[in-house]
């Protein structure tokens, strides 16, 4: 199942709630990975936004829970705004709060994206050997994300892929490609040996640096054109 909650609002609309959190990444001495707070917020937003959009939702609001300190708020907001701009959603409002009574030794934040689902698209499919599979982007985690940003699927490409009909789009998180493959198709159990690709299917994809696509053969040419150098084919045995 996807990492979202879907709450029916009307016969044609649902509320989609997705979230992400980050700990030990920032500019404090105790952080495991050193990175700007704009970058931290940007990647946390990416995760929640991609989960929301992959479930058919359109983001309508972002909620930020900041445990990094009051002085980091404006930089965190810049990171979220950067992600919204890449999705052409600059008008989406951002709210939230900061823990200002106590100082933590490490950076931490939580982020929630609220979205509305208007159409029934990107529905789950039953596994079929006629389907084609690919990963767009590469699995990266920690400092790899900062050092190899050119391998991370851009939100603009993710958004374009989501406009295609009759596809499944599944963001890959910290448990890796193989784990997410088994979440996409619960009627069949996949092993590492069944997925053939140059990517490591067990490696963490950290802040959703890549996503899995299941599609029909007729869509492959258009998909490859959109994804360009981020496209990695998967053969399923």
Protein backbone atom coordinates (compact mmCIF):
# COMPACT_ATOMS: atom_id res chain seq x y z
CA UNK A 1 0.00 0.00 0.00
CA UNK A 2 1.06 3.60 -0.50
CA UNK A 3 2.33 5.74 2.38
CA UNK A 4 -0.78 7.93 2.34
CA UNK A 5 -4.23 8.19 3.88
CA UNK A 6 -7.20 8.77 1.59
CA UNK A 7 -10.33 10.25 3.17
CA UNK A 8 -13.50 10.55 1.01
CA UNK A 9 -14.94 14.07 1.03
CA UNK A 10 -17.65 13.79 -1.61
CA UNK A 11 -18.62 11.29 -4.28
CA UNK A 12 -15.97 12.79 -6.56
CA UNK A 13 -13.29 14.08 -4.17
CA UNK A 14 -10.95 12.60 -1.60
CA UNK A 15 -8.48 14.16 0.81
CA UNK A 16 -4.97 12.71 0.41
CA UNK A 17 -2.59 13.01 3.39
CA UNK A 18 1.09 12.18 2.98
CA UNK A 19 4.08 12.89 5.18
CA UNK A 20 7.82 12.67 5.66
CA UNK A 21 10.31 13.32 8.45
CA UNK A 22 14.00 14.05 8.68
CA UNK A 23 16.41 13.59 11.60
CA UNK A 24 20.13 14.12 12.01
CA UNK A 25 20.45 16.04 8.74
CA UNK A 26 21.22 19.76 8.88
CA UNK A 27 23.80 22.21 10.19
CA UNK A 28 24.08 21.21 13.86
CA UNK A 29 27.31 19.73 15.19
CA UNK A 30 25.55 16.48 16.09
CA UNK A 31 24.00 15.92 12.66
CA UNK A 32 25.10 12.82 10.75
CA UNK A 33 24.81 14.57 7.37
CA UNK A 34 25.70 18.24 6.97
CA UNK A 35 23.45 20.15 4.59
CA UNK A 36 21.62 23.46 4.36
CA UNK A 37 18.14 23.63 5.86
CA UNK A 38 16.78 24.71 2.49
CA UNK A 39 18.05 21.43 1.05
CA UNK A 40 16.71 19.41 4.00
CA UNK A 41 13.22 20.87 3.63
CA UNK A 42 13.28 20.55 -0.15
CA UNK A 43 13.95 16.82 -0.07
CA UNK A 44 11.48 16.18 2.72
CA UNK A 45 8.83 18.04 0.74
CA UNK A 46 9.69 15.98 -2.35
CA UNK A 47 8.92 12.73 -0.55
CA UNK A 48 5.51 13.80 0.74
CA UNK A 49 4.56 15.58 -2.50
CA UNK A 50 5.53 12.63 -4.69
CA UNK A 51 3.52 10.22 -2.53
CA UNK A 52 0.51 12.54 -2.70
CA UNK A 53 0.73 13.03 -6.47
CA UNK A 54 1.42 9.34 -7.16
CA UNK A 55 -1.83 8.55 -5.33
CA UNK A 56 -3.68 10.89 -7.71
CA UNK A 57 -3.72 13.91 -5.40
CA UNK A 58 -3.08 17.57 -6.17
CA UNK A 59 -1.25 19.29 -3.25
CA UNK A 60 -3.32 22.10 -1.69
CA UNK A 61 -1.39 22.79 1.54
CA UNK A 62 1.90 22.00 3.30
CA UNK A 63 2.38 21.73 7.09
CA UNK A 64 5.90 22.02 8.54
CA UNK A 65 6.94 20.82 12.01
CA UNK A 66 10.31 22.42 12.76
CA UNK A 67 12.63 21.10 15.48
CA UNK A 68 15.77 22.70 14.01
CA UNK A 69 15.42 26.07 15.74
CA UNK A 70 13.59 29.34 15.12
CA UNK A 71 16.44 30.79 13.04
CA UNK A 72 16.02 28.02 10.44
CA UNK A 73 12.34 28.71 9.61
CA UNK A 74 12.86 31.01 6.62
CA UNK A 75 15.42 28.67 5.06
CA UNK A 76 13.13 25.66 5.53
CA UNK A 77 10.29 27.55 3.87
CA UNK A 78 12.57 28.38 0.92
CA UNK A 79 13.19 24.68 0.42
CA UNK A 80 9.49 23.91 0.33
CA UNK A 81 8.82 26.82 -2.01
CA UNK A 82 11.53 25.54 -4.33
CA UNK A 83 9.74 22.21 -4.61
CA UNK A 84 6.36 23.84 -5.11
CA UNK A 85 7.81 26.02 -7.90
CA UNK A 86 9.13 22.93 -9.70
CA UNK A 87 5.58 21.55 -9.66
CA UNK A 88 4.08 24.90 -10.76
CA UNK A 89 2.24 25.09 -7.43
CA UNK A 90 3.63 28.39 -6.13
CA UNK A 91 0.26 29.44 -4.66
CA UNK A 92 -0.04 26.45 -2.31
CA UNK A 93 -0.05 27.81 1.29
CA UNK A 94 2.47 26.68 3.92
CA UNK A 95 1.81 26.61 7.65
CA UNK A 96 3.37 24.96 10.68
CA UNK A 97 5.14 25.54 13.97
CA UNK A 98 8.59 25.56 15.59
CA UNK A 99 9.78 24.00 18.85
CA UNK A 100 11.23 27.13 20.48
CA UNK A 101 11.21 26.18 24.15
CA UNK A 102 14.00 23.64 23.94
CA UNK A 103 17.09 23.25 21.75
CA UNK A 104 17.74 19.79 20.28
CA UNK A 105 21.25 18.47 19.76
CA UNK A 106 20.37 17.32 16.23
CA UNK A 107 18.21 18.77 13.47
CA UNK A 108 14.75 17.31 12.94
CA UNK A 109 11.60 18.17 11.05
CA UNK A 110 8.29 16.68 10.01
CA UNK A 111 6.34 17.64 6.90
CA UNK A 112 2.77 16.91 5.82
CA UNK A 113 1.27 17.48 2.37
CA UNK A 114 -2.51 17.70 2.04
CA UNK A 115 -3.95 17.09 -1.40
CA UNK A 116 -7.24 16.61 -3.17
CA UNK A 117 -7.93 13.73 -5.48
CA UNK A 118 -10.44 14.61 -8.17
CA UNK A 119 -10.03 11.80 -10.69
CA UNK A 120 -9.58 8.06 -10.40
CA UNK A 121 -6.24 7.71 -12.17
CA UNK A 122 -3.02 5.82 -11.54
CA UNK A 123 -5.09 2.89 -10.28
CA UNK A 124 -3.33 -0.25 -9.23
CA UNK A 125 -2.96 -2.93 -11.89
CA UNK A 126 -2.63 -6.68 -11.59
CA UNK A 127 0.86 -7.87 -12.46
CA UNK A 128 1.15 -8.99 -16.06
CA UNK A 129 4.12 -10.07 -18.17
CA UNK A 130 2.79 -7.70 -20.82
CA UNK A 131 3.62 -4.71 -18.61
CA UNK A 132 6.92 -2.88 -18.98
CA UNK A 133 8.90 -1.56 -16.01
CA UNK A 134 11.47 1.12 -15.41
CA UNK A 135 13.03 3.19 -12.66
CA UNK A 136 13.38 6.92 -13.20
CA UNK A 137 16.25 8.37 -11.17
CA UNK A 138 18.73 6.42 -9.03
CA UNK A 139 18.60 5.17 -5.43
CA UNK A 140 20.69 7.55 -3.30
CA UNK A 141 20.91 8.21 0.42
CA UNK A 142 22.74 10.55 2.82
CA UNK A 143 25.66 12.46 1.34
CA UNK A 144 25.08 10.71 -2.01
CA UNK A 145 21.99 12.87 -2.47
CA UNK A 146 24.02 16.06 -2.07
CA UNK A 147 26.95 14.81 -4.17
CA UNK A 148 24.98 13.22 -7.03
CA UNK A 149 22.01 15.52 -7.48
CA UNK A 150 22.14 14.99 -11.25
CA UNK A 151 20.91 11.40 -10.69
CA UNK A 152 17.85 12.42 -8.65
CA UNK A 153 14.57 12.46 -10.58
CA UNK A 154 13.52 16.13 -10.95
CA UNK A 155 10.04 16.98 -9.71
CA UNK A 156 9.30 18.49 -13.12
CA UNK A 157 9.91 15.12 -14.81
CA UNK A 158 7.93 13.29 -12.12
CA UNK A 159 5.03 15.66 -12.77
CA UNK A 160 5.19 15.06 -16.54
CA UNK A 161 5.23 11.29 -16.07
CA UNK A 162 2.15 11.53 -13.85
CA UNK A 163 0.22 13.09 -16.74
CA UNK A 164 0.44 9.85 -18.73
CA UNK A 165 -2.62 7.61 -18.67
CA UNK A 166 -2.77 3.98 -17.61
CA UNK A 167 0.46 3.86 -15.63
CA UNK A 168 1.49 3.04 -12.09
CA UNK A 169 3.98 5.43 -10.50
CA UNK A 170 5.52 4.36 -7.20
CA UNK A 171 8.10 6.51 -5.34
CA UNK A 172 10.97 4.50 -3.86
CA UNK A 173 11.96 5.21 -0.27
CA UNK A 174 14.48 3.94 2.24
CA UNK A 175 13.53 0.26 1.84
CA UNK A 176 14.60 0.15 -1.80
CA UNK A 177 13.29 -0.85 -5.21
CA UNK A 178 12.60 -4.52 -4.46
CA UNK A 179 10.51 -3.69 -1.41
CA UNK A 180 8.43 -1.14 -3.33
CA UNK A 181 7.98 -3.58 -6.22
CA UNK A 182 6.34 -5.98 -3.80
CA UNK A 183 4.07 -3.18 -2.54
CA UNK A 184 2.96 -2.41 -6.11
CA UNK A 185 1.88 -5.97 -6.85
CA UNK A 186 0.81 -7.77 -3.69
CA UNK A 187 -0.52 -10.76 -5.65
CA UNK A 188 3.02 -11.81 -6.58
CA UNK A 189 6.20 -12.02 -4.51
CA UNK A 190 9.36 -10.75 -6.17
CA UNK A 191 12.94 -11.60 -5.22
CA UNK A 192 16.18 -9.82 -6.04
CA UNK A 193 16.98 -12.43 -8.70
CA UNK A 194 13.72 -11.67 -10.55
CA UNK A 195 14.53 -8.00 -11.21
CA UNK A 196 17.24 -7.35 -13.79
CA UNK A 197 18.59 -3.80 -13.91
CA UNK A 198 21.93 -2.02 -13.50
CA UNK A 199 20.61 -0.41 -10.30
CA UNK A 200 20.92 -1.95 -6.82
CA UNK A 201 17.36 -3.03 -6.02
CA UNK A 202 18.13 -3.38 -2.29
CA UNK A 203 19.72 0.05 -1.83
CA UNK A 204 17.92 2.85 0.03
CA UNK A 205 16.47 5.57 -2.17
CA UNK A 206 16.53 7.98 0.76
CA UNK A 207 14.26 10.97 0.05
CA UNK A 208 12.51 9.37 -2.95
CA UNK A 209 15.37 10.01 -5.36
CA UNK A 210 13.77 7.61 -7.85
CA UNK A 211 10.43 6.02 -8.67
CA UNK A 212 9.20 2.82 -10.31
CA UNK A 213 7.00 3.01 -13.41
CA UNK A 214 4.78 0.22 -14.73
CA UNK A 215 3.40 0.95 -18.18
CA UNK A 216 2.12 -0.45 -21.48
CA UNK A 217 4.51 -1.01 -24.39
CA UNK A 218 2.80 1.73 -26.43
CA UNK A 219 3.85 4.33 -23.86
CA UNK A 220 7.55 3.47 -23.84
CA UNK A 221 8.71 5.92 -26.50
CA UNK A 222 6.98 8.87 -24.86
CA UNK A 223 8.14 7.80 -21.39
CA UNK A 224 11.77 7.54 -22.49
CA UNK A 225 11.56 10.98 -24.08
CA UNK A 226 10.23 12.54 -20.86
CA UNK A 227 12.64 10.72 -18.55
CA UNK A 228 15.69 11.08 -20.82
CA UNK A 229 18.92 10.14 -18.99
CA UNK A 230 17.07 9.33 -15.76
CA UNK A 231 15.41 6.26 -17.35
CA UNK A 232 16.59 2.78 -16.23
CA UNK A 233 14.91 -0.28 -17.72
CA UNK A 234 13.91 -3.24 -15.51
CA UNK A 235 13.35 -6.73 -16.89
CA UNK A 236 11.21 -8.97 -14.68
CA UNK A 237 11.83 -12.70 -14.86
